[in-house]
Amino acid sequence: MNTDALGEALPLAHARAPQPGEAAPLIQALSAPLTSGPSAALGERLRLRVAASHAAQAGLLTRRRPQSAAAQSWGAGLRAWPLREQSWVVELDPLAVLSLAQPGDNALELLVLAGQGQFGTDADAQALRASHHLLLTESQAPLLQAGATGLRLYLRRHGPQGPFRAPQQAQVQAPQAWQPLRPGVEICPLHAEGQAISLLARLDSGGRVPAHPHGVDEECLMVEGELFLGDLLLREGEYQFAPAGSQHGELFADAPCLLFFHGAIDAAAIDNPYRQAQGWPPL
């Protein structure tokens, strides 16, 4: 008998693998092409569903884990990740200072995503906490300073066409006026001009918003948790831009989540009888 260096028997050159047992017909059936019958119909429906999902997402811009990409340096202790042409996620190290002032009368919109800090000079400084919303004039924007734990912001520069115009003085909004949109969904309006509104949306586990079109450009940034936008799962820290004329499938939360939204609230998303039953006027 031939053996190897450890004394183990070598396999015979003419040895054959054992014949397949009773599982062979099942394995052959699973590996065969789906050409007819219920399995073929199911496969075709699945293929069409995947194609429709891809087509629905084709016009949307989705930023997956934007902070996993290389950051732009905006100065000492400052990093930024672009979301779209004029919007970023910005991080400040502890006690770092961000200056946003520059020539121009555009509006700057900020949302505190995490951490704490302050803006303005020592004499009139105002504290910043998570979910605080700011609207500033570009040329008059005060300094922002992170606190001891740092600061993470969403920042958008509104151009000459808006939709938000530069305010006469800085506007700071803390989330407090929550109101029902529909069962399992609450909103906190932050600022609105014309059709455009920025708001926070809070969905309970099982909360749903029906499929709806977009009459204006829409931005969604997941602040906490995750949310299904049709077939797409948007996770914490991720961003999606949906241009006017596009559509979203049903929104569904399988666990509580918090979303920042900028766009227009479509009528399909509103349950006015439910709002009125809760003591709120129709939207």
Protein backbone atom coordinates (compact mmCIF):
# COMPACT_ATOMS: atom_id res chain seq x y z
CA MET A 1 0.00 0.00 0.00
CA ASN A 2 1.32 3.42 -0.90
CA THR A 3 1.57 5.85 2.05
CA ASP A 4 2.48 9.51 2.46
CA ALA A 5 5.21 10.95 4.71
CA LEU A 6 2.96 10.60 7.77
CA GLY A 7 2.15 7.00 7.02
CA GLU A 8 -1.38 7.73 5.82
CA ALA A 9 -2.72 5.66 2.95
CA LEU A 10 -2.82 7.46 -0.40
CA PRO A 11 -6.06 7.22 -2.41
CA LEU A 12 -6.08 4.70 -5.24
CA ALA A 13 -5.76 6.28 -8.64
CA HIS A 14 -8.76 4.36 -9.94
CA ALA A 15 -11.02 4.94 -6.88
CA ARG A 16 -14.49 6.32 -7.71
CA ALA A 17 -16.66 8.64 -5.64
CA PRO A 18 -19.70 6.97 -4.11
CA GLN A 19 -22.86 7.02 -6.17
CA PRO A 20 -25.34 9.75 -5.21
CA GLY A 21 -28.09 8.59 -2.91
CA GLU A 22 -31.76 9.54 -2.63
CA ALA A 23 -30.99 13.28 -2.57
CA ALA A 24 -29.78 13.22 -6.15
CA PRO A 25 -33.21 13.81 -7.78
CA LEU A 26 -33.83 16.82 -5.50
CA ILE A 27 -30.41 18.32 -6.25
CA GLN A 28 -30.93 17.81 -9.99
CA ALA A 29 -34.38 19.42 -9.81
CA LEU A 30 -33.03 22.46 -7.93
CA SER A 31 -30.19 22.96 -10.38
CA ALA A 32 -32.34 22.55 -13.50
CA PRO A 33 -33.42 25.73 -15.39
CA LEU A 34 -36.89 27.02 -14.52
CA THR A 35 -38.70 26.63 -17.82
CA SER A 36 -42.27 25.78 -16.87
CA GLY A 37 -44.72 25.25 -14.03
CA PRO A 38 -45.24 27.23 -10.80
CA SER A 39 -41.49 27.64 -10.15
CA ALA A 40 -40.97 29.28 -13.53
CA ALA A 41 -43.90 31.64 -12.94
CA LEU A 42 -42.55 32.57 -9.51
CA GLY A 43 -39.09 33.21 -10.95
CA GLU A 44 -40.55 35.44 -13.66
CA ARG A 45 -42.56 37.46 -11.14
CA LEU A 46 -39.44 37.88 -9.03
CA ARG A 47 -37.45 39.02 -12.07
CA LEU A 48 -40.12 41.58 -12.97
CA ARG A 49 -40.25 42.83 -9.35
CA VAL A 50 -36.47 43.33 -9.28
CA ALA A 51 -36.57 45.12 -12.65
CA ALA A 52 -39.38 47.40 -11.45
CA SER A 53 -37.48 48.18 -8.25
CA HIS A 54 -34.35 49.11 -10.22
CA ALA A 55 -36.41 51.31 -12.54
CA ALA A 56 -38.06 53.07 -9.58
CA GLN A 57 -34.65 53.86 -8.04
CA ALA A 58 -33.01 54.92 -11.30
CA GLY A 59 -33.79 58.63 -10.95
CA LEU A 60 -32.96 58.84 -7.23
CA LEU A 61 -29.62 59.71 -5.64
CA THR A 62 -28.88 57.56 -2.59
CA ARG A 63 -25.80 58.08 -0.43
CA ARG A 64 -24.95 54.87 1.38
CA ARG A 65 -22.88 55.40 4.55
CA PRO A 66 -21.52 58.75 3.31
CA GLN A 67 -19.08 59.01 6.21
CA SER A 68 -17.31 55.83 5.11
CA ALA A 69 -15.91 57.78 2.13
CA ALA A 70 -12.88 60.07 2.28
CA ALA A 71 -13.76 63.35 4.00
CA GLN A 72 -13.04 66.88 2.80
CA SER A 73 -10.95 68.89 5.23
CA TRP A 74 -12.57 72.21 6.09
CA GLY A 75 -9.90 73.28 8.55
CA ALA A 76 -8.50 72.21 11.91
CA GLY A 77 -10.81 69.63 13.45
CA LEU A 78 -13.39 70.01 10.65
CA ARG A 79 -14.47 67.32 8.15
CA ALA A 80 -17.23 67.31 5.55
CA TRP A 81 -18.84 64.69 3.34
CA PRO A 82 -20.82 65.94 0.31
CA LEU A 83 -24.35 64.63 -0.13
CA ARG A 84 -25.34 66.70 -3.15
CA GLU A 85 -24.11 69.89 -4.85
CA GLN A 86 -24.89 72.20 -1.93
CA SER A 87 -25.43 69.87 1.03
CA TRP A 88 -23.01 68.12 3.38
CA VAL A 89 -22.64 66.22 6.61
CA VAL A 90 -20.09 68.16 8.69
CA GLU A 91 -18.24 66.94 11.80
CA LEU A 92 -16.48 69.15 14.34
CA ASP A 93 -13.98 67.72 16.79
CA PRO A 94 -14.45 68.69 20.45
CA LEU A 95 -14.16 72.51 20.83
CA ALA A 96 -13.46 72.98 17.09
CA VAL A 97 -14.83 76.18 15.51
CA LEU A 98 -16.64 76.42 12.15
CA SER A 99 -17.01 79.73 10.33
CA LEU A 100 -19.76 79.72 7.67
CA ALA A 101 -19.78 83.45 6.92
CA GLN A 102 -18.93 84.44 3.35
CA PRO A 103 -20.13 87.10 0.90
CA GLY A 104 -23.64 86.45 -0.33
CA ASP A 105 -27.26 86.61 0.69
CA ASN A 106 -28.07 82.93 0.38
CA ALA A 107 -29.79 81.02 3.18
CA LEU A 108 -27.88 78.41 5.15
CA GLU A 109 -29.88 75.60 6.73
CA LEU A 110 -28.42 73.42 9.49
CA LEU A 111 -29.67 70.51 11.55
CA VAL A 112 -27.74 69.21 14.56
CA LEU A 113 -27.48 65.45 14.11
CA ALA A 114 -25.43 64.60 17.20
CA GLY A 115 -23.38 66.23 19.94
CA GLN A 116 -23.72 69.70 21.36
CA GLY A 117 -22.18 73.13 20.99
CA GLN A 118 -23.06 76.78 20.59
CA PHE A 119 -23.22 79.52 17.98
CA GLY A 120 -22.61 83.23 18.24
CA THR A 121 -20.19 85.21 20.36
CA ASP A 122 -19.75 84.72 24.09
CA ALA A 123 -22.04 87.65 24.86
CA ASP A 124 -25.03 86.26 22.94
CA ALA A 125 -24.08 82.62 22.39
CA GLN A 126 -26.94 80.13 22.06
CA ALA A 127 -26.68 76.47 22.93
CA LEU A 128 -27.09 73.78 20.28
CA ARG A 129 -28.40 70.29 20.94
CA ALA A 130 -29.35 67.31 18.83
CA SER A 131 -32.25 68.06 16.41
CA HIS A 132 -31.89 71.85 16.73
CA HIS A 133 -32.60 73.49 13.36
CA LEU A 134 -31.02 76.77 12.19
CA LEU A 135 -31.70 79.09 9.27
CA LEU A 136 -29.01 81.74 8.74
CA THR A 137 -27.96 84.39 6.24
CA GLU A 138 -24.67 83.45 4.60
CA SER A 139 -22.98 86.82 5.02
CA GLN A 140 -24.09 87.12 8.66
CA ALA A 141 -23.56 83.53 9.80
CA PRO A 142 -22.07 83.42 13.31
CA LEU A 143 -19.30 81.09 14.42
CA LEU A 144 -20.26 77.60 15.53
CA GLN A 145 -18.24 75.87 18.23
CA ALA A 146 -18.49 72.22 19.21
CA GLY A 147 -18.82 71.18 22.82
CA ALA A 148 -16.73 68.66 24.71
CA THR A 149 -18.17 65.70 22.77
CA GLY A 150 -17.94 67.22 19.29
CA LEU A 151 -20.72 68.12 16.89
CA ARG A 152 -22.21 66.57 13.73
CA LEU A 153 -24.36 68.69 11.41
CA TYR A 154 -26.38 68.53 8.23
CA LEU A 155 -25.67 71.69 6.22
CA ARG A 156 -27.41 72.94 3.09
CA ARG A 157 -26.77 76.12 1.15
CA HIS A 158 -29.93 77.41 -0.57
CA GLY A 159 -29.12 79.19 -3.83
CA PRO A 160 -30.64 82.40 -5.21
CA GLN A 161 -33.70 80.41 -6.33
CA GLY A 162 -34.29 79.09 -2.82
CA PRO A 163 -36.49 77.39 -1.93
CA PHE A 164 -35.64 79.09 1.40
CA ARG A 165 -34.67 82.75 1.46
CA ALA A 166 -32.12 84.30 3.80
CA PRO A 167 -33.79 85.46 7.03
CA GLN A 168 -33.43 88.94 8.51
CA GLN A 169 -31.93 87.36 11.63
CA ALA A 170 -30.84 83.88 12.66
CA GLN A 171 -33.71 81.48 13.34
CA VAL A 172 -33.27 78.60 15.77
CA GLN A 173 -35.94 75.94 16.21
CA ALA A 174 -35.91 73.17 18.80
CA PRO A 175 -38.20 70.20 18.07
CA GLN A 176 -41.19 70.52 20.35
CA ALA A 177 -44.42 71.02 18.37
CA TRP A 178 -45.02 67.41 17.29
CA GLN A 179 -48.31 66.70 15.52
CA PRO A 180 -49.89 63.61 13.95
CA LEU A 181 -49.66 63.06 10.20
CA ARG A 182 -51.34 59.66 10.19
CA PRO A 183 -51.46 56.64 12.55
CA GLY A 184 -47.95 55.78 13.68
CA VAL A 185 -46.39 58.90 12.09
CA GLU A 186 -45.73 62.28 13.72
CA ILE A 187 -44.09 65.36 12.22
CA CYS A 188 -42.38 68.41 13.69
CA PRO A 189 -42.32 71.29 11.17
CA LEU A 190 -39.07 73.29 11.36
CA HIS A 191 -39.41 75.87 8.56
CA ALA A 192 -41.69 76.35 5.54
CA GLU A 193 -41.84 78.70 2.56
CA GLY A 194 -44.32 78.20 -0.26
CA GLN A 195 -44.64 74.47 -0.98
CA ALA A 196 -41.27 73.63 0.56
CA ILE A 197 -41.02 72.50 4.18
CA SER A 198 -38.26 71.12 6.37
CA LEU A 199 -39.43 68.85 9.15
CA LEU A 200 -38.59 65.93 11.37
CA ALA A 201 -40.72 62.80 10.98
CA ARG A 202 -41.01 60.24 13.75
CA LEU A 203 -42.37 56.81 12.85
CA ASP A 204 -43.43 54.19 15.37
CA SER A 205 -42.82 50.51 14.80
CA GLY A 206 -45.23 49.56 12.02
CA GLY A 207 -45.68 53.18 10.88
CA ARG A 208 -46.51 53.55 7.20
CA VAL A 209 -46.86 56.32 4.61
CA PRO A 210 -48.62 55.36 1.34
CA ALA A 211 -46.83 55.49 -2.01
CA HIS A 212 -46.77 59.05 -3.32
CA PRO A 213 -45.38 61.28 -6.10
CA HIS A 214 -43.01 64.22 -5.62
CA GLY A 215 -44.23 67.58 -6.87
CA VAL A 216 -40.94 69.23 -5.84
CA ASP A 217 -37.42 68.00 -5.09
CA GLU A 218 -37.26 65.95 -1.89
CA GLU A 219 -34.40 65.16 0.48
CA CYS A 220 -34.43 62.50 3.21
CA LEU A 221 -31.70 62.00 5.82
CA MET A 222 -32.02 59.20 8.38
CA VAL A 223 -31.21 60.67 11.80
CA GLU A 224 -31.98 57.57 13.89
CA GLY A 225 -32.97 54.02 12.98
CA GLU A 226 -33.87 52.87 9.48
CA LEU A 227 -36.81 53.11 7.09
CA PHE A 228 -37.98 51.30 3.98
CA LEU A 229 -38.58 53.70 1.07
CA GLY A 230 -40.38 51.27 -1.20
CA ASP A 231 -37.92 48.40 -1.65
CA LEU A 232 -34.92 50.46 -0.50
CA LEU A 233 -33.78 50.38 3.13
CA LEU A 234 -32.37 53.75 4.23
CA ARG A 235 -30.24 53.27 7.33
CA GLU A 236 -29.07 55.69 10.02
CA GLY A 237 -26.79 58.38 8.54
CA GLU A 238 -27.83 57.65 4.95
CA TYR A 239 -29.34 60.16 2.51
CA GLN A 240 -31.61 60.15 -0.51
CA PHE A 241 -32.51 62.86 -3.03
CA ALA A 242 -35.69 62.34 -5.06
CA PRO A 243 -36.19 64.89 -7.86
CA ALA A 244 -39.54 66.45 -8.73
CA GLY A 245 -41.54 64.07 -10.89
CA SER A 246 -40.19 60.93 -9.22
CA GLN A 247 -42.16 58.66 -6.88
CA HIS A 248 -41.68 56.75 -3.65
CA GLY A 249 -43.27 53.42 -2.88
CA GLU A 250 -44.78 52.87 0.53
CA LEU A 251 -42.67 54.03 3.47
CA PHE A 252 -42.54 51.47 6.26
CA ALA A 253 -40.76 51.39 9.63
CA ASP A 254 -40.34 48.01 11.30
CA ALA A 255 -38.82 49.77 14.33
CA PRO A 256 -39.06 53.38 15.63
CA CYS A 257 -37.02 55.86 13.57
CA LEU A 258 -36.38 59.58 13.07
CA LEU A 259 -36.11 61.17 9.62
CA PHE A 260 -35.18 64.67 8.44
CA PHE A 261 -37.30 65.62 5.42
CA HIS A 262 -37.15 68.58 3.04
CA GLY A 263 -39.72 68.83 0.27
CA ALA A 264 -43.50 69.06 0.05
CA ILE A 265 -45.99 66.91 1.95
CA ASP A 266 -48.06 65.07 -0.64
CA ALA A 267 -51.78 64.74 0.02
CA ALA A 268 -51.49 60.95 -0.14
CA ALA A 269 -49.33 61.02 3.01
CA ILE A 270 -51.91 62.90 5.11
CA ASP A 271 -54.75 61.31 7.07
CA ASN A 272 -56.87 64.35 7.89
CA PRO A 273 -59.72 62.45 9.62
CA TYR A 274 -57.11 60.97 11.97
CA ARG A 275 -55.56 64.42 12.57
CA GLN A 276 -58.93 65.94 13.36
CA ALA A 277 -59.74 63.09 15.74
CA GLN A 278 -56.54 64.03 17.59
CA GLY A 279 -57.60 67.70 17.77
CA TRP A 280 -55.50 69.00 14.87
CA PRO A 281 -56.76 70.93 11.82
CA PRO A 282 -56.53 69.46 8.31
CA LEU A 283 -53.35 69.98 6.32
